[in-house]
PDB file of N, CA and C in Angstrom:
ATOM      1  N   UNK A   1       0.837  -1.170   0.000  1.00  0.00           N
ATOM      2  CA  UNK A   1       0.000   0.000   0.000  1.00  0.00           C
ATOM      3  C   UNK A   1       0.881   1.232   0.000  1.00  0.00           C
ATOM      4  N   UNK A   2       0.529   2.213  -0.791  1.00  0.00           N
ATOM      5  CA  UNK A   2       1.292   3.443  -0.876  1.00  0.00           C
ATOM      6  C   UNK A   2       0.485   4.582  -0.274  1.00  0.00           C
ATOM      7  N   UNK A   3       1.127   5.351   0.609  1.00  0.00           N
ATOM      8  CA  UNK A   3       0.499   6.540   1.173  1.00  0.00           C
ATOM      9  C   UNK A   3       1.347   7.719   0.752  1.00  0.00           C
ATOM     10  N   UNK A   4       0.722   8.663   0.105  1.00  0.00           N
ATOM     11  CA  UNK A   4       1.451   9.836  -0.383  1.00  0.00           C
ATOM     12  C   UNK A   4       1.468  10.917   0.687  1.00  0.00           C
ATOM     13  N   UNK A   5       2.145  12.021   0.416  1.00  0.00           N
ATOM     14  CA  UNK A   5       2.286  13.121   1.357  1.00  0.00           C
ATOM     15  C   UNK A   5       0.965  13.717   1.815  1.00  0.00           C
ATOM     16  N   UNK A   6       1.057  14.580   2.790  1.00  0.00           N
ATOM     17  CA  UNK A   6      -0.109  15.207   3.385  1.00  0.00           C
ATOM     18  C   UNK A   6      -0.325  16.569   2.730  1.00  0.00           C
ATOM     19  N   UNK A   7      -1.570  16.868   2.426  1.00  0.00           N
ATOM     20  CA  UNK A   7      -1.911  18.180   1.883  1.00  0.00           C
ATOM     21  C   UNK A   7      -2.128  19.116   3.059  1.00  0.00           C
ATOM     22  N   UNK A   8      -1.496  20.289   3.033  1.00  0.00           N
ATOM     23  CA  UNK A   8      -1.573  21.215   4.153  1.00  0.00           C
ATOM     24  C   UNK A   8      -2.925  21.887   4.313  1.00  0.00           C
ATOM     25  N   UNK A   9      -3.701  21.980   3.266  1.00  0.00           N
ATOM     26  CA  UNK A   9      -5.003  22.628   3.401  1.00  0.00           C
ATOM     27  C   UNK A   9      -6.084  21.698   2.896  1.00  0.00           C
ATOM     28  N   UNK A  10      -7.244  21.796   3.516  1.00  0.00           N
ATOM     29  CA  UNK A  10      -8.363  20.949   3.136  1.00  0.00           C
ATOM     30  C   UNK A  10      -9.076  21.572   1.946  1.00  0.00           C
ATOM     31  N   UNK A  11      -9.424  20.754   0.998  1.00  0.00           N
ATOM     32  CA  UNK A  11     -10.135  21.215  -0.185  1.00  0.00           C
ATOM     33  C   UNK A  11     -11.576  20.768  -0.055  1.00  0.00           C
ATOM     34  N   UNK A  12     -12.479  21.732  -0.006  1.00  0.00           N
ATOM     35  CA  UNK A  12     -13.893  21.436   0.114  1.00  0.00           C
ATOM     36  C   UNK A  12     -14.604  21.825  -1.170  1.00  0.00           C
ATOM     37  N   UNK A  13     -15.556  21.017  -1.592  1.00  0.00           N
ATOM     38  CA  UNK A  13     -16.296  21.382  -2.808  1.00  0.00           C
ATOM     39  C   UNK A  13     -17.174  22.597  -2.561  1.00  0.00           C
ATOM     40  N   UNK A  14     -17.203  23.475  -3.508  1.00  0.00           N
ATOM     41  CA  UNK A  14     -18.049  24.660  -3.432  1.00  0.00           C
ATOM     42  C   UNK A  14     -19.309  24.354  -4.225  1.00  0.00           C
ATOM     43  N   UNK A  15     -20.416  24.182  -3.521  1.00  0.00           N
ATOM     44  CA  UNK A  15     -21.652  23.767  -4.175  1.00  0.00           C
ATOM     45  C   UNK A  15     -22.117  24.786  -5.209  1.00  0.00           C
ATOM     46  N   UNK A  16     -21.854  26.058  -4.982  1.00  0.00           N
ATOM     47  CA  UNK A  16     -22.301  27.099  -5.903  1.00  0.00           C
ATOM     48  C   UNK A  16     -21.435  27.161  -7.155  1.00  0.00           C
ATOM     49  N   UNK A  17     -20.180  26.783  -7.002  1.00  0.00           N
ATOM     50  CA  UNK A  17     -19.229  26.972  -8.099  1.00  0.00           C
ATOM     51  C   UNK A  17     -18.497  25.673  -8.404  1.00  0.00           C
ATOM     52  N   UNK A  18     -19.241  24.589  -8.594  1.00  0.00           N
ATOM     53  CA  UNK A  18     -18.602  23.315  -8.906  1.00  0.00           C
ATOM     54  C   UNK A  18     -18.107  23.329 -10.342  1.00  0.00           C
ATOM     55  N   UNK A  19     -16.892  22.859 -10.517  1.00  0.00           N
ATOM     56  CA  UNK A  19     -16.336  22.787 -11.863  1.00  0.00           C
ATOM     57  C   UNK A  19     -16.510  21.379 -12.375  1.00  0.00           C
ATOM     58  N   UNK A  20     -16.888  21.254 -13.605  1.00  0.00           N
ATOM     59  CA  UNK A  20     -17.054  19.954 -14.240  1.00  0.00           C
ATOM     60  C   UNK A  20     -15.920  19.748 -15.219  1.00  0.00           C
ATOM     61  N   UNK A  21     -15.642  18.502 -15.534  1.00  0.00           N
ATOM     62  CA  UNK A  21     -14.606  18.208 -16.514  1.00  0.00           C
ATOM     63  C   UNK A  21     -15.097  18.679 -17.871  1.00  0.00           C
ATOM     64  N   UNK A  22     -14.367  19.567 -18.441  1.00  0.00           N
ATOM     65  CA  UNK A  22     -14.751  20.108 -19.738  1.00  0.00           C
ATOM     66  C   UNK A  22     -14.070  19.307 -20.831  1.00  0.00           C
ATOM     67  N   UNK A  23     -14.702  19.265 -21.975  1.00  0.00           N
ATOM     68  CA  UNK A  23     -14.075  18.541 -23.074  1.00  0.00           C
ATOM     69  C   UNK A  23     -13.022  19.394 -23.773  1.00  0.00           C
ATOM     70  N   UNK A  24     -12.976  20.681 -23.452  1.00  0.00           N
ATOM     71  CA  UNK A  24     -11.967  21.559 -24.042  1.00  0.00           C
ATOM     72  C   UNK A  24     -11.214  22.275 -22.935  1.00  0.00           C
ATOM     73  N   UNK A  25      -9.901  22.321 -23.063  1.00  0.00           N
ATOM     74  CA  UNK A  25      -9.045  23.022 -22.110  1.00  0.00           C
ATOM     75  C   UNK A  25      -8.137  23.965 -22.884  1.00  0.00           C
ATOM     76  N   UNK A  26      -7.829  25.101 -22.264  1.00  0.00           N
ATOM     77  CA  UNK A  26      -6.951  26.062 -22.903  1.00  0.00           C
ATOM     78  C   UNK A  26      -5.817  26.383 -21.942  1.00  0.00           C
ATOM     79  N   UNK A  27      -4.577  26.344 -22.435  1.00  0.00           N
ATOM     80  CA  UNK A  27      -3.466  26.698 -21.567  1.00  0.00           C
ATOM     81  C   UNK A  27      -3.128  28.177 -21.724  1.00  0.00           C
ATOM     82  N   UNK A  28      -2.080  28.617 -21.041  1.00  0.00           N
ATOM     83  CA  UNK A  28      -1.740  30.041 -21.027  1.00  0.00           C
ATOM     84  C   UNK A  28      -1.336  30.583 -22.403  1.00  0.00           C
ATOM     85  N   UNK A  29      -0.950  29.722 -23.319  1.00  0.00           N
ATOM     86  CA  UNK A  29      -0.558  30.187 -24.652  1.00  0.00           C
ATOM     87  C   UNK A  29      -1.720  30.191 -25.633  1.00  0.00           C
ATOM     88  N   UNK A  30      -2.870  29.761 -25.195  1.00  0.00           N
ATOM     89  CA  UNK A  30      -4.022  29.757 -26.072  1.00  0.00           C
ATOM     90  C   UNK A  30      -4.227  28.456 -26.829  1.00  0.00           C
ATOM     91  N   UNK A  31      -3.343  27.472 -26.615  1.00  0.00           N
ATOM     92  CA  UNK A  31      -3.530  26.175 -27.252  1.00  0.00           C
ATOM     93  C   UNK A  31      -4.752  25.486 -26.655  1.00  0.00           C
ATOM     94  N   UNK A  32      -5.426  24.712 -27.454  1.00  0.00           N
ATOM     95  CA  UNK A  32      -6.625  24.022 -26.991  1.00  0.00           C
ATOM     96  C   UNK A  32      -6.474  22.531 -27.255  1.00  0.00           C
ATOM     97  N   UNK A  33      -6.888  21.731 -26.281  1.00  0.00           N
ATOM     98  CA  UNK A  33      -6.953  20.295 -26.521  1.00  0.00           C
ATOM     99  C   UNK A  33      -8.306  19.798 -26.043  1.00  0.00           C
ATOM    100  N   UNK A  34      -8.751  18.732 -26.651  1.00  0.00           N
ATOM    101  CA  UNK A  34     -10.068  18.205 -26.337  1.00  0.00           C
ATOM    102  C   UNK A  34      -9.949  16.781 -25.807  1.00  0.00           C
ATOM    103  N   UNK A  35     -10.852  16.448 -24.882  1.00  0.00           N
ATOM    104  CA  UNK A  35     -10.948  15.089 -24.358  1.00  0.00           C
ATOM    105  C   UNK A  35     -12.258  14.515 -24.880  1.00  0.00           C
ATOM    106  N   UNK A  36     -12.173  13.410 -25.574  1.00  0.00           N
ATOM    107  CA  UNK A  36     -13.372  12.819 -26.166  1.00  0.00           C
ATOM    108  C   UNK A  36     -14.364  12.398 -25.091  1.00  0.00           C
ATOM    109  N   UNK A  37     -15.616  12.296 -25.470  1.00  0.00           N
ATOM    110  CA  UNK A  37     -16.647  11.838 -24.540  1.00  0.00           C
ATOM    111  C   UNK A  37     -16.326  10.431 -24.044  1.00  0.00           C
ATOM    112  N   UNK A  38     -15.784   9.594 -24.923  1.00  0.00           N
ATOM    113  CA  UNK A  38     -15.429   8.236 -24.535  1.00  0.00           C
ATOM    114  C   UNK A  38     -14.365   8.246 -23.445  1.00  0.00           C
ATOM    115  N   UNK A  39     -13.359   9.122 -23.605  1.00  0.00           N
ATOM    116  CA  UNK A  39     -12.297   9.217 -22.595  1.00  0.00           C
ATOM    117  C   UNK A  39     -12.855   9.757 -21.285  1.00  0.00           C
ATOM    118  N   UNK A  40     -13.751  10.739 -21.355  1.00  0.00           N
ATOM    119  CA  UNK A  40     -14.369  11.282 -20.145  1.00  0.00           C
ATOM    120  C   UNK A  40     -15.174  10.200 -19.425  1.00  0.00           C
ATOM    121  N   UNK A  41     -15.907   9.407 -20.178  1.00  0.00           N
ATOM    122  CA  UNK A  41     -16.697   8.330 -19.585  1.00  0.00           C
ATOM    123  C   UNK A  41     -15.787   7.281 -18.944  1.00  0.00           C
ATOM    124  N   UNK A  42     -14.683   6.964 -19.604  1.00  0.00           N
ATOM    125  CA  UNK A  42     -13.729   5.999 -19.069  1.00  0.00           C
ATOM    126  C   UNK A  42     -13.132   6.519 -17.758  1.00  0.00           C
ATOM    127  N   UNK A  43     -12.749   7.789 -17.727  1.00  0.00           N
ATOM    128  CA  UNK A  43     -12.200   8.374 -16.506  1.00  0.00           C
ATOM    129  C   UNK A  43     -13.225   8.343 -15.381  1.00  0.00           C
ATOM    130  N   UNK A  44     -14.470   8.664 -15.685  1.00  0.00           N
ATOM    131  CA  UNK A  44     -15.527   8.632 -14.680  1.00  0.00           C
ATOM    132  C   UNK A  44     -15.736   7.221 -14.152  1.00  0.00           C
ATOM    133  N   UNK A  45     -15.707   6.240 -15.054  1.00  0.00           N
ATOM    134  CA  UNK A  45     -15.879   4.835 -14.648  1.00  0.00           C
ATOM    135  C   UNK A  45     -14.741   4.400 -13.731  1.00  0.00           C
ATOM    136  N   UNK A  46     -13.501   4.778 -14.081  1.00  0.00           N
ATOM    137  CA  UNK A  46     -12.346   4.427 -13.265  1.00  0.00           C
ATOM    138  C   UNK A  46     -12.433   5.087 -11.895  1.00  0.00           C
ATOM    139  N   UNK A  47     -12.892   6.327 -11.859  1.00  0.00           N
ATOM    140  CA  UNK A  47     -13.051   7.039 -10.597  1.00  0.00           C
ATOM    141  C   UNK A  47     -14.072   6.334  -9.713  1.00  0.00           C
ATOM    142  N   UNK A  48     -15.194   5.951 -10.277  1.00  0.00           N
ATOM    143  CA  UNK A  48     -16.240   5.260  -9.522  1.00  0.00           C
ATOM    144  C   UNK A  48     -15.745   3.906  -9.008  1.00  0.00           C
ATOM    145  N   UNK A  49     -14.968   3.186  -9.825  1.00  0.00           N
ATOM    146  CA  UNK A  49     -14.419   1.898  -9.405  1.00  0.00           C
ATOM    147  C   UNK A  49     -13.461   2.074  -8.229  1.00  0.00           C
ATOM    148  N   UNK A  50     -12.636   3.115  -8.290  1.00  0.00           N
ATOM    149  CA  UNK A  50     -11.678   3.384  -7.212  1.00  0.00           C
ATOM    150  C   UNK A  50     -12.420   3.733  -5.921  1.00  0.00           C
ATOM    151  N   UNK A  51     -13.486   4.517  -6.027  1.00  0.00           N
ATOM    152  CA  UNK A  51     -14.281   4.881  -4.855  1.00  0.00           C
ATOM    153  C   UNK A  51     -14.893   3.630  -4.236  1.00  0.00           C
ATOM    154  N   UNK A  52     -15.420   2.736  -5.072  1.00  0.00           N
ATOM    155  CA  UNK A  52     -16.003   1.491  -4.565  1.00  0.00           C
ATOM    156  C   UNK A  52     -14.940   0.616  -3.884  1.00  0.00           C
ATOM    157  N   UNK A  53     -13.735   0.598  -4.451  1.00  0.00           N
ATOM    158  CA  UNK A  53     -12.638  -0.163  -3.857  1.00  0.00           C
ATOM    159  C   UNK A  53     -12.309   0.380  -2.459  1.00  0.00           C
ATOM    160  N   UNK A  54     -12.235   1.695  -2.341  1.00  0.00           N
ATOM    161  CA  UNK A  54     -11.927   2.326  -1.053  1.00  0.00           C
ATOM    162  C   UNK A  54     -13.047   2.076  -0.052  1.00  0.00           C
ATOM    163  N   UNK A  55     -14.298   2.186  -0.496  1.00  0.00           N
ATOM    164  CA  UNK A  55     -15.432   1.903   0.398  1.00  0.00           C
ATOM    165  C   UNK A  55     -15.381   0.461   0.911  1.00  0.00           C
ATOM    166  N   UNK A  56     -15.018  -0.454   0.030  1.00  0.00           N
ATOM    167  CA  UNK A  56     -14.883  -1.849   0.432  1.00  0.00           C
ATOM    168  C   UNK A  56     -13.804  -2.033   1.484  1.00  0.00           C
ATOM    169  N   UNK A  57     -12.684  -1.331   1.310  1.00  0.00           N
ATOM    170  CA  UNK A  57     -11.598  -1.417   2.292  1.00  0.00           C
ATOM    171  C   UNK A  57     -12.033  -0.837   3.639  1.00  0.00           C
ATOM    172  N   UNK A  58     -12.780   0.252   3.594  1.00  0.00           N
ATOM    173  CA  UNK A  58     -13.268   0.847   4.839  1.00  0.00           C
ATOM    174  C   UNK A  58     -14.186  -0.137   5.550  1.00  0.00           C
ATOM    175  N   UNK A  59     -15.125  -0.730   4.806  1.00  0.00           N
ATOM    176  CA  UNK A  59     -16.076  -1.664   5.399  1.00  0.00           C
ATOM    177  C   UNK A  59     -15.387  -2.918   5.942  1.00  0.00           C
ATOM    178  N   UNK A  60     -14.315  -3.348   5.301  1.00  0.00           N
ATOM    179  CA  UNK A  60     -13.621  -4.556   5.752  1.00  0.00           C
ATOM    180  C   UNK A  60     -12.677  -4.285   6.920  1.00  0.00           C
ATOM    181  N   UNK A  61     -12.466  -3.007   7.253  1.00  0.00           N
ATOM    182  CA  UNK A  61     -11.572  -2.664   8.360  1.00  0.00           C
ATOM    183  C   UNK A  61     -10.114  -2.607   7.962  1.00  0.00           C
ATOM    184  N   UNK A  62      -9.836  -2.605   6.671  1.00  0.00           N
ATOM    185  CA  UNK A  62      -8.449  -2.580   6.186  1.00  0.00           C
ATOM    186  C   UNK A  62      -7.650  -1.426   6.784  1.00  0.00           C
ATOM    187  N   UNK A  63      -8.258  -0.251   6.843  1.00  0.00           N
ATOM    188  CA  UNK A  63      -7.547   0.934   7.323  1.00  0.00           C
ATOM    189  C   UNK A  63      -7.382   0.951   8.837  1.00  0.00           C
ATOM    190  N   UNK A  64      -7.999   0.007   9.552  1.00  0.00           N
ATOM    191  CA  UNK A  64      -7.853  -0.089  10.997  1.00  0.00           C
ATOM    192  C   UNK A  64      -6.752  -1.068  11.397  1.00  0.00           C
ATOM    193  N   UNK A  65      -6.062  -1.634  10.426  1.00  0.00           N
ATOM    194  CA  UNK A  65      -5.001  -2.598  10.745  1.00  0.00           C
ATOM    195  C   UNK A  65      -3.797  -1.871  11.350  1.00  0.00           C
ATOM    196  N   UNK A  66      -3.059  -2.589  12.188  1.00  0.00           N
ATOM    197  CA  UNK A  66      -1.875  -2.007  12.834  1.00  0.00           C
ATOM    198  C   UNK A  66      -0.860  -1.531  11.804  1.00  0.00           C
ATOM    199  N   UNK A  67      -0.721  -2.263  10.713  1.00  0.00           N
ATOM    200  CA  UNK A  67       0.247  -1.912   9.671  1.00  0.00           C
ATOM    201  C   UNK A  67      -0.083  -0.544   9.062  1.00  0.00           C
ATOM    202  N   UNK A  68      -1.346  -0.334   8.733  1.00  0.00           N
ATOM    203  CA  UNK A  68      -1.760   0.930   8.117  1.00  0.00           C
ATOM    204  C   UNK A  68      -1.643   2.076   9.121  1.00  0.00           C
ATOM    205  N   UNK A  69      -2.092   1.853  10.337  1.00  0.00           N
ATOM    206  CA  UNK A  69      -2.034   2.896  11.362  1.00  0.00           C
ATOM    207  C   UNK A  69      -0.585   3.300  11.628  1.00  0.00           C
ATOM    208  N   UNK A  70       0.308   2.328  11.703  1.00  0.00           N
ATOM    209  CA  UNK A  70       1.727   2.631  11.932  1.00  0.00           C
ATOM    210  C   UNK A  70       2.323   3.410  10.759  1.00  0.00           C
ATOM    211  N   UNK A  71       1.984   3.004   9.552  1.00  0.00           N
ATOM    212  CA  UNK A  71       2.525   3.687   8.377  1.00  0.00           C
ATOM    213  C   UNK A  71       2.040   5.137   8.305  1.00  0.00           C
ATOM    214  N   UNK A  72       0.763   5.354   8.587  1.00  0.00           N
ATOM    215  CA  UNK A  72       0.210   6.718   8.592  1.00  0.00           C
ATOM    216  C   UNK A  72       0.884   7.552   9.680  1.00  0.00           C
ATOM    217  N   UNK A  73       1.048   6.971  10.868  1.00  0.00           N
ATOM    218  CA  UNK A  73       1.686   7.689  11.968  1.00  0.00           C
ATOM    219  C   UNK A  73       3.119   8.086  11.609  1.00  0.00           C
ATOM    220  N   UNK A  74       3.863   7.159  11.000  1.00  0.00           N
ATOM    221  CA  UNK A  74       5.249   7.475  10.593  1.00  0.00           C
ATOM    222  C   UNK A  74       5.283   8.610   9.565  1.00  0.00           C
ATOM    223  N   UNK A  75       4.379   8.555   8.591  1.00  0.00           N
ATOM    224  CA  UNK A  75       4.347   9.609   7.570  1.00  0.00           C
ATOM    225  C   UNK A  75       3.923  10.949   8.161  1.00  0.00           C
ATOM    226  N   UNK A  76       3.006  10.929   9.122  1.00  0.00           N
ATOM    227  CA  UNK A  76       2.612  12.179   9.795  1.00  0.00           C
ATOM    228  C   UNK A  76       3.791  12.775  10.538  1.00  0.00           C
ATOM    229  N   UNK A  77       4.518  11.951  11.298  1.00  0.00           N
ATOM    230  CA  UNK A  77       5.687  12.434  12.019  1.00  0.00           C
ATOM    231  C   UNK A  77       6.727  13.001  11.061  1.00  0.00           C
ATOM    232  N   UNK A  78       6.958  12.299   9.980  1.00  0.00           N
ATOM    233  CA  UNK A  78       7.945  12.758   8.990  1.00  0.00           C
ATOM    234  C   UNK A  78       7.527  14.094   8.400  1.00  0.00           C
ATOM    235  N   UNK A  79       6.233  14.231   8.089  1.00  0.00           N
ATOM    236  CA  UNK A  79       5.718  15.449   7.474  1.00  0.00           C
ATOM    237  C   UNK A  79       5.752  16.622   8.447  1.00  0.00           C
ATOM    238  N   UNK A  80       5.512  16.355   9.724  1.00  0.00           N
ATOM    239  CA  UNK A  80       5.431  17.422  10.720  1.00  0.00           C
ATOM    240  C   UNK A  80       6.778  17.817  11.303  1.00  0.00           C
ATOM    241  N   UNK A  81       7.829  17.015  11.076  1.00  0.00           N
ATOM    242  CA  UNK A  81       9.137  17.353  11.626  1.00  0.00           C
ATOM    243  C   UNK A  81      10.076  17.847  10.565  1.00  0.00           C
TER     244      UNK A  81
END
């Protein structure tokens, strides 16, 4: 299991100003690229599968194991020192 670094600030969704994945993106130079509907659907499907996987781990108590708790504690100490 891999645990990545800690984010210093909490990101909360803004219900009034939710951003959706757009099929067109523009960078600072004005270039535009498009993401096909098929690719957007695939990304959404993968996201939903990952969420279900995490929910399953929560329900099974995976994150309550001594191994996970110790690893999180070590990473917290490392991040805070």
